[in-house]
Amino acid sequence: MEKTLNEFIITLDTSFKKLIEDTIQTAGVTNLRVNQIQYIQAIGKLNNPTISEIAEALNITKASATTGINKLVQMGYAKKSQSTIDKRVYHVTLTENSKTFIQLNQQALENYVSFIKQLLSADEAKQFEKTLEKLIKGFYQRERSQ
């Protein structure tokens, strides 16, 4: 099992990296680094978040989040707007380039899921889903305890 699991993780990682690279090329955002993509994904998921919310979602310091967001703003992938309620707070939104990247990435992920589903029978897919749910839960618990 260990050999197969290792091979699966390596294959999945390699395949997923290629998926991201292809999405980056298609979206025309080739100057982005992996951590910047994580920022964009977090902003897209959180919908108009504050810098503190982004920091919390990415499990980084507020100072690191501020630096990362400022770089994305400078590159034209994000916008910051000051809160009308609390002038110390800034909300972050995505530009059209970033939104295009998110949409293309989502479509690529859906294609990835479809590919996996085609490889499995209905029973195998059900069992695989149960196994994945168990693994995901285990990873989240491990993350929280560290």
C-alpha atoms as a PDB file:
ATOM      1  CA  MET A   1       0.000   0.000   0.000  1.00  0.00           C
ATOM      2  CA  GLU A   2       2.806   2.444   0.880  1.00  0.00           C
ATOM      3  CA  LYS A   3       4.359   2.183  -2.581  1.00  0.00           C
ATOM      4  CA  THR A   4       1.010   2.711  -4.308  1.00  0.00           C
ATOM      5  CA  LEU A   5       0.080   5.609  -2.030  1.00  0.00           C
ATOM      6  CA  ASN A   6       3.461   7.277  -2.624  1.00  0.00           C
ATOM      7  CA  GLU A   7       3.043   6.859  -6.372  1.00  0.00           C
ATOM      8  CA  PHE A   8      -0.521   8.227  -6.202  1.00  0.00           C
ATOM      9  CA  ILE A   9       0.573  11.325  -4.255  1.00  0.00           C
ATOM     10  CA  ILE A  10       3.486  12.003  -6.615  1.00  0.00           C
ATOM     11  CA  THR A  11       1.328  11.448  -9.712  1.00  0.00           C
ATOM     12  CA  LEU A  12      -1.468  13.627  -8.339  1.00  0.00           C
ATOM     13  CA  ASP A  13       0.995  16.362  -7.371  1.00  0.00           C
ATOM     14  CA  THR A  14       2.687  16.331 -10.787  1.00  0.00           C
ATOM     15  CA  SER A  15      -0.623  16.257 -12.610  1.00  0.00           C
ATOM     16  CA  PHE A  16      -2.075  19.045 -10.475  1.00  0.00           C
ATOM     17  CA  LYS A  17       1.009  21.241 -10.991  1.00  0.00           C
ATOM     18  CA  LYS A  18       0.618  20.790 -14.747  1.00  0.00           C
ATOM     19  CA  LEU A  19      -3.063  21.694 -14.454  1.00  0.00           C
ATOM     20  CA  ILE A  20      -2.157  24.917 -12.617  1.00  0.00           C
ATOM     21  CA  GLU A  21       0.614  25.717 -15.127  1.00  0.00           C
ATOM     22  CA  ASP A  22      -1.785  25.217 -18.045  1.00  0.00           C
ATOM     23  CA  THR A  23      -4.372  27.434 -16.343  1.00  0.00           C
ATOM     24  CA  ILE A  24      -1.733  30.110 -15.724  1.00  0.00           C
ATOM     25  CA  GLN A  25      -0.746  30.038 -19.409  1.00  0.00           C
ATOM     26  CA  THR A  26      -4.360  30.161 -20.614  1.00  0.00           C
ATOM     27  CA  ALA A  27      -5.271  33.000 -18.245  1.00  0.00           C
ATOM     28  CA  GLY A  28      -2.140  34.935 -19.189  1.00  0.00           C
ATOM     29  CA  VAL A  29      -0.948  35.312 -15.603  1.00  0.00           C
ATOM     30  CA  THR A  30       2.483  33.768 -16.100  1.00  0.00           C
ATOM     31  CA  ASN A  31       4.207  36.180 -13.717  1.00  0.00           C
ATOM     32  CA  LEU A  32       2.411  34.811 -10.637  1.00  0.00           C
ATOM     33  CA  ARG A  33       4.149  32.670  -8.028  1.00  0.00           C
ATOM     34  CA  VAL A  34       2.460  29.825  -6.152  1.00  0.00           C
ATOM     35  CA  ASN A  35       1.896  31.843  -2.969  1.00  0.00           C
ATOM     36  CA  GLN A  36       0.344  34.666  -5.009  1.00  0.00           C
ATOM     37  CA  ILE A  37      -2.042  32.164  -6.564  1.00  0.00           C
ATOM     38  CA  GLN A  38      -2.972  31.057  -3.039  1.00  0.00           C
ATOM     39  CA  TYR A  39      -3.763  34.678  -2.156  1.00  0.00           C
ATOM     40  CA  ILE A  40      -5.947  35.032  -5.264  1.00  0.00           C
ATOM     41  CA  GLN A  41      -7.780  31.798  -4.469  1.00  0.00           C
ATOM     42  CA  ALA A  42      -8.358  32.895  -0.856  1.00  0.00           C
ATOM     43  CA  ILE A  43      -9.653  36.318  -1.920  1.00  0.00           C
ATOM     44  CA  GLY A  44     -11.987  34.681  -4.444  1.00  0.00           C
ATOM     45  CA  LYS A  45     -13.268  32.210  -1.874  1.00  0.00           C
ATOM     46  CA  LEU A  46     -13.783  34.789   0.896  1.00  0.00           C
ATOM     47  CA  ASN A  47     -15.477  37.424  -1.305  1.00  0.00           C
ATOM     48  CA  ASN A  48     -14.422  40.987  -0.416  1.00  0.00           C
ATOM     49  CA  PRO A  49     -12.326  39.986   2.610  1.00  0.00           C
ATOM     50  CA  THR A  50     -10.269  42.173   4.877  1.00  0.00           C
ATOM     51  CA  ILE A  51      -6.516  41.674   5.051  1.00  0.00           C
ATOM     52  CA  SER A  52      -6.970  40.104   8.499  1.00  0.00           C
ATOM     53  CA  GLU A  53      -9.442  37.571   7.070  1.00  0.00           C
ATOM     54  CA  ILE A  54      -6.989  36.673   4.305  1.00  0.00           C
ATOM     55  CA  ALA A  55      -4.191  36.259   6.864  1.00  0.00           C
ATOM     56  CA  GLU A  56      -6.387  33.975   8.950  1.00  0.00           C
ATOM     57  CA  ALA A  57      -7.486  31.903   5.936  1.00  0.00           C
ATOM     58  CA  LEU A  58      -3.883  31.414   4.811  1.00  0.00           C
ATOM     59  CA  ASN A  59      -2.596  30.933   8.358  1.00  0.00           C
ATOM     60  CA  ILE A  60      -0.044  33.738   8.014  1.00  0.00           C
ATOM     61  CA  THR A  61       0.633  36.981   9.868  1.00  0.00           C
ATOM     62  CA  LYS A  62      -1.278  40.129   9.013  1.00  0.00           C
ATOM     63  CA  ALA A  63       2.032  41.782   8.058  1.00  0.00           C
ATOM     64  CA  SER A  64       2.786  38.988   5.570  1.00  0.00           C
ATOM     65  CA  ALA A  65      -0.727  39.220   4.158  1.00  0.00           C
ATOM     66  CA  THR A  66      -0.387  42.989   3.774  1.00  0.00           C
ATOM     67  CA  THR A  67       2.904  42.598   1.905  1.00  0.00           C
ATOM     68  CA  GLY A  68       1.466  39.886  -0.349  1.00  0.00           C
ATOM     69  CA  ILE A  69      -1.705  41.830  -1.092  1.00  0.00           C
ATOM     70  CA  ASN A  70       0.236  45.016  -1.826  1.00  0.00           C
ATOM     71  CA  LYS A  71       2.324  43.073  -4.358  1.00  0.00           C
ATOM     72  CA  LEU A  72      -0.836  41.736  -6.046  1.00  0.00           C
ATOM     73  CA  VAL A  73      -2.254  45.274  -6.168  1.00  0.00           C
ATOM     74  CA  GLN A  74       0.998  46.534  -7.689  1.00  0.00           C
ATOM     75  CA  MET A  75       0.877  43.733 -10.289  1.00  0.00           C
ATOM     76  CA  GLY A  76      -2.757  44.514 -11.132  1.00  0.00           C
ATOM     77  CA  TYR A  77      -4.318  41.305  -9.771  1.00  0.00           C
ATOM     78  CA  ALA A  78      -6.118  42.778  -6.748  1.00  0.00           C
ATOM     79  CA  LYS A  79      -7.626  46.042  -5.538  1.00  0.00           C
ATOM     80  CA  LYS A  80      -7.763  47.423  -2.009  1.00  0.00           C
ATOM     81  CA  SER A  81     -10.529  49.695  -0.812  1.00  0.00           C
ATOM     82  CA  GLN A  82     -10.776  51.400   2.547  1.00  0.00           C
ATOM     83  CA  SER A  83     -13.776  50.529   4.693  1.00  0.00           C
ATOM     84  CA  THR A  84     -16.321  53.323   5.019  1.00  0.00           C
ATOM     85  CA  ILE A  85     -17.089  52.147   8.552  1.00  0.00           C
ATOM     86  CA  ASP A  86     -13.551  51.735   9.927  1.00  0.00           C
ATOM     87  CA  LYS A  87     -10.823  53.642   8.089  1.00  0.00           C
ATOM     88  CA  ARG A  88      -8.157  51.288   9.496  1.00  0.00           C
ATOM     89  CA  VAL A  89      -9.667  48.355   7.602  1.00  0.00           C
ATOM     90  CA  TYR A  90      -9.117  47.549   3.929  1.00  0.00           C
ATOM     91  CA  HIS A  91     -11.161  45.147   1.822  1.00  0.00           C
ATOM     92  CA  VAL A  92      -9.574  43.278  -1.061  1.00  0.00           C
ATOM     93  CA  THR A  93     -11.215  42.376  -4.367  1.00  0.00           C
ATOM     94  CA  LEU A  94      -9.949  40.676  -7.497  1.00  0.00           C
ATOM     95  CA  THR A  95      -9.348  42.308 -10.863  1.00  0.00           C
ATOM     96  CA  GLU A  96     -10.718  40.822 -14.090  1.00  0.00           C
ATOM     97  CA  ASN A  97      -7.409  39.010 -14.766  1.00  0.00           C
ATOM     98  CA  SER A  98      -7.625  37.283 -11.396  1.00  0.00           C
ATOM     99  CA  LYS A  99     -11.306  36.460 -11.876  1.00  0.00           C
ATOM    100  CA  THR A 100     -10.493  34.911 -15.255  1.00  0.00           C
ATOM    101  CA  PHE A 101      -7.772  32.821 -13.627  1.00  0.00           C
ATOM    102  CA  ILE A 102     -10.210  31.653 -10.908  1.00  0.00           C
ATOM    103  CA  GLN A 103     -12.833  30.697 -13.522  1.00  0.00           C
ATOM    104  CA  LEU A 104     -10.329  28.818 -15.678  1.00  0.00           C
ATOM    105  CA  ASN A 105      -8.903  27.072 -12.632  1.00  0.00           C
ATOM    106  CA  GLN A 106     -12.402  26.044 -11.507  1.00  0.00           C
ATOM    107  CA  GLN A 107     -13.174  24.674 -14.977  1.00  0.00           C
ATOM    108  CA  ALA A 108      -9.880  22.768 -15.002  1.00  0.00           C
ATOM    109  CA  LEU A 109     -10.679  21.270 -11.588  1.00  0.00           C
ATOM    110  CA  GLU A 110     -14.129  20.213 -12.799  1.00  0.00           C
ATOM    111  CA  ASN A 111     -12.506  18.535 -15.810  1.00  0.00           C
ATOM    112  CA  TYR A 112     -10.076  16.817 -13.449  1.00  0.00           C
ATOM    113  CA  VAL A 113     -12.948  15.498 -11.318  1.00  0.00           C
ATOM    114  CA  SER A 114     -14.792  14.284 -14.434  1.00  0.00           C
ATOM    115  CA  PHE A 115     -11.674  12.439 -15.578  1.00  0.00           C
ATOM    116  CA  ILE A 116     -11.355  10.665 -12.222  1.00  0.00           C
ATOM    117  CA  LYS A 117     -15.070   9.791 -12.187  1.00  0.00           C
ATOM    118  CA  GLN A 118     -14.774   8.241 -15.654  1.00  0.00           C
ATOM    119  CA  LEU A 119     -12.039   5.910 -14.417  1.00  0.00           C
ATOM    120  CA  LEU A 120     -14.189   4.503 -11.604  1.00  0.00           C
ATOM    121  CA  SER A 121     -17.349   2.443 -11.491  1.00  0.00           C
ATOM    122  CA  ALA A 122     -20.263   3.807  -9.438  1.00  0.00           C
ATOM    123  CA  ASP A 123     -19.347   1.553  -6.494  1.00  0.00           C
ATOM    124  CA  GLU A 124     -15.673   2.464  -6.721  1.00  0.00           C
ATOM    125  CA  ALA A 125     -16.556   6.171  -6.865  1.00  0.00           C
ATOM    126  CA  LYS A 126     -18.714   5.848  -3.749  1.00  0.00           C
ATOM    127  CA  GLN A 127     -15.970   4.031  -1.831  1.00  0.00           C
ATOM    128  CA  PHE A 128     -13.333   6.474  -3.087  1.00  0.00           C
ATOM    129  CA  GLU A 129     -15.445   9.414  -1.903  1.00  0.00           C
ATOM    130  CA  LYS A 130     -15.804   7.868   1.577  1.00  0.00           C
ATOM    131  CA  THR A 131     -12.061   7.268   1.744  1.00  0.00           C
ATOM    132  CA  LEU A 132     -11.288  10.823   0.617  1.00  0.00           C
ATOM    133  CA  GLU A 133     -13.704  12.271   3.197  1.00  0.00           C
ATOM    134  CA  LYS A 134     -11.918  10.301   5.907  1.00  0.00           C
ATOM    135  CA  LEU A 135      -8.509  11.490   4.691  1.00  0.00           C
ATOM    136  CA  ILE A 136      -9.643  15.122   4.455  1.00  0.00           C
ATOM    137  CA  LYS A 137     -11.025  14.982   7.983  1.00  0.00           C
ATOM    138  CA  GLY A 138      -7.754  13.474   9.208  1.00  0.00           C
ATOM    139  CA  PHE A 139      -5.677  16.181   7.516  1.00  0.00           C
ATOM    140  CA  TYR A 140      -7.838  18.951   9.012  1.00  0.00           C
ATOM    141  CA  GLN A 141      -7.547  17.430  12.480  1.00  0.00           C
ATOM    142  CA  ARG A 142      -3.793  17.085  12.081  1.00  0.00           C
ATOM    143  CA  GLU A 143      -3.518  20.708  10.924  1.00  0.00           C
ATOM    144  CA  ARG A 144      -5.491  21.990  13.927  1.00  0.00           C
ATOM    145  CA  SER A 145      -3.372  20.054  16.412  1.00  0.00           C
ATOM    146  CA  GLN A 146      -0.061  21.418  15.095  1.00  0.00           C
END
